[in-house]
Protein backbone atom coordinates (compact mmCIF):
# COMPACT_ATOMS: atom_id res chain seq x y z
CA MET A 1 -100.73 209.32 131.79
CA ASN A 2 -99.60 212.79 131.05
CA LEU A 3 -97.93 214.05 127.87
CA TYR A 4 -94.42 213.86 129.34
CA SER A 5 -94.82 210.17 130.13
CA VAL A 6 -96.00 209.43 126.62
CA VAL A 7 -93.06 211.32 125.10
CA LEU A 8 -90.60 209.56 127.42
CA ILE A 9 -91.96 206.11 126.54
CA PHE A 10 -91.80 206.99 122.84
CA LEU A 11 -88.18 208.17 123.09
CA LEU A 12 -87.13 205.10 125.07
CA SER A 13 -88.72 202.80 122.52
CA LEU A 14 -86.75 204.49 119.72
CA SER A 15 -83.42 204.24 121.52
CA SER A 16 -83.69 200.55 122.37
CA GLY A 17 -82.02 199.55 119.09
CA PRO A 18 -83.30 197.30 116.34
CA LEU A 19 -85.78 194.65 117.34
CA GLU A 20 -85.09 191.18 116.08
CA TYR A 21 -87.89 189.14 114.60
CA THR A 22 -88.82 185.90 116.33
CA ALA A 23 -91.67 183.51 115.63
CA ASP A 24 -92.84 179.99 116.29
CA GLY A 25 -94.91 177.98 113.87
CA LYS A 26 -94.80 175.37 111.13
CA ALA A 27 -92.19 175.08 108.39
CA THR A 28 -92.47 173.30 105.07
CA TYR A 29 -89.99 172.99 102.23
CA TYR A 30 -90.01 173.52 98.48
CA ALA A 31 -90.76 170.58 96.22
CA ASP A 32 -87.93 169.57 93.89
CA ARG A 33 -89.98 170.67 90.88
CA PHE A 34 -89.31 174.33 91.81
CA HIS A 35 -85.54 173.90 91.31
CA GLY A 36 -84.43 176.47 88.73
CA GLN A 37 -87.61 178.58 88.93
CA ARG A 38 -87.33 182.31 89.61
CA THR A 39 -87.83 183.48 93.19
CA ALA A 40 -89.47 186.77 94.15
CA ASN A 41 -86.12 188.58 94.35
CA GLY A 42 -85.24 187.49 90.80
CA GLU A 43 -82.65 184.80 91.45
CA ARG A 44 -83.22 181.17 90.57
CA TYR A 45 -84.22 178.76 93.32
CA ASP A 46 -81.41 176.31 94.01
CA LYS A 47 -82.44 173.40 96.22
CA THR A 48 -78.80 172.96 97.36
CA LEU A 49 -78.54 176.43 98.93
CA MET A 50 -79.65 177.51 102.40
CA THR A 51 -82.51 179.79 101.39
CA ALA A 52 -86.14 180.28 102.35
CA ALA A 53 -89.38 182.10 101.63
CA HIS A 54 -91.09 184.30 104.20
CA ALA A 55 -94.22 186.44 104.00
CA THR A 56 -92.83 189.71 105.40
CA LEU A 57 -89.09 189.65 106.18
CA PRO A 58 -86.91 191.67 103.78
CA PHE A 59 -84.87 189.84 101.14
CA ASN A 60 -81.35 188.80 102.25
CA THR A 61 -82.37 188.65 105.91
CA SER A 62 -80.54 185.86 107.74
CA VAL A 63 -82.81 183.72 109.90
CA GLU A 64 -81.88 180.97 112.33
CA VAL A 65 -84.44 178.15 112.09
CA THR A 66 -84.63 175.55 114.85
CA ASN A 67 -86.54 172.28 114.48
CA LEU A 68 -88.37 172.02 117.81
CA LYS A 69 -88.74 168.24 117.46
CA ASN A 70 -85.00 167.47 117.42
CA GLY A 71 -83.24 170.74 118.29
CA LYS A 72 -81.34 170.96 114.98
CA THR A 73 -80.63 174.48 113.74
CA VAL A 74 -79.81 176.00 110.37
CA VAL A 75 -79.28 179.56 109.10
CA VAL A 76 -81.09 180.51 105.90
CA ARG A 77 -81.25 183.64 103.75
CA ILE A 78 -84.66 184.96 102.72
CA ASN A 79 -84.84 185.17 98.92
CA ASP A 80 -88.50 184.49 98.17
CA ARG A 81 -92.03 185.40 99.24
CA MET A 82 -94.78 183.15 100.39
CA ALA A 83 -98.42 183.92 100.98
CA ALA A 84 -99.19 185.01 104.51
CA SER A 85 -100.47 181.94 106.28
CA ARG A 86 -101.70 181.11 109.73
CA HIS A 87 -100.48 177.54 109.15
CA ARG A 88 -96.86 178.17 108.06
CA VAL A 89 -94.22 180.72 109.04
CA ILE A 90 -91.50 179.75 106.54
CA ASP A 91 -90.81 177.63 103.45
CA LEU A 92 -87.29 176.18 103.37
CA SER A 93 -85.05 174.98 100.57
CA ARG A 94 -84.46 171.24 100.26
CA ALA A 95 -80.91 171.65 101.66
CA ALA A 96 -82.17 173.47 104.76
CA ALA A 97 -84.93 170.89 105.27
CA THR A 98 -82.37 168.10 105.01
CA GLN A 99 -80.12 169.76 107.62
CA LEU A 100 -83.11 170.07 109.95
CA ASP A 101 -84.00 166.42 109.36
CA MET A 102 -87.57 167.30 108.34
CA VAL A 103 -87.79 165.86 104.82
CA ARG A 104 -89.60 162.71 105.92
CA ASP A 105 -92.10 164.64 108.07
CA GLY A 106 -92.72 167.36 105.47
CA THR A 107 -93.98 169.85 108.03
CA VAL A 108 -92.43 170.49 111.44
CA ALA A 109 -92.75 172.93 114.31
CA VAL A 110 -89.94 175.48 114.22
CA SER A 111 -88.68 178.54 115.99
CA LEU A 112 -87.35 181.47 113.93
CA LYS A 113 -84.86 184.11 115.04
CA GLU A 114 -83.66 186.94 112.81
CA LEU A 115 -79.90 187.40 112.90
CA ILE A 116 -78.88 191.05 112.94
CA GLY A 117 -75.58 192.78 112.15
CA GLU A 118 -72.35 190.96 112.95
CA GLU A 119 -74.16 187.80 114.02
CA ALA A 120 -75.75 187.50 110.56
CA GLN A 121 -72.45 188.21 108.78
CA GLN A 122 -70.61 185.54 110.79
CA GLU A 123 -73.29 182.95 110.08
CA SER A 124 -73.43 183.75 106.35
CA SER A 125 -69.66 183.46 105.97
CA LEU A 126 -69.78 180.07 107.71
CA ALA A 127 -72.57 178.90 105.42
CA VAL A 128 -70.60 179.98 102.34
CA SER A 129 -67.41 178.26 103.45
CA GLU A 130 -69.32 175.08 104.33
CA SER A 131 -71.05 174.96 100.95
CA GLU A 132 -67.73 175.54 99.13
CA ALA A 133 -66.17 172.67 101.07
CA GLN A 134 -68.88 170.24 99.97
CA PRO A 135 -68.41 168.68 96.53
CA LYS A 136 -70.98 169.57 93.87
CA GLN A 137 -73.25 166.78 92.67
């Protein structure tokens, strides 16, 4: 390859827009004993909210999580860190785990997809309106 080809490939890679994160792996969920504890971004963990921990994604990133066993999907917001692991890609809140029907199994195979821009905003507004519609326990 000559220098012009390298420069062209570099420029094309920059102009392709933001890349969305995707991953496949195992998901677990937080134990109830963590309810009320501080997360890495400073807020308190609430097991009734659709949140999650991830090793590298920025805080407040919206991620669509799909349970590969049953096809159920949920959108969560990253608000905590987890140790980088070759065994797990995400730790979910109890509410998200319940929606994915994974509480009994504890660990399930999932697919992750980062939601970018308008897609993330639409999903987060739906999640807020759904949680407001549900009565508090």
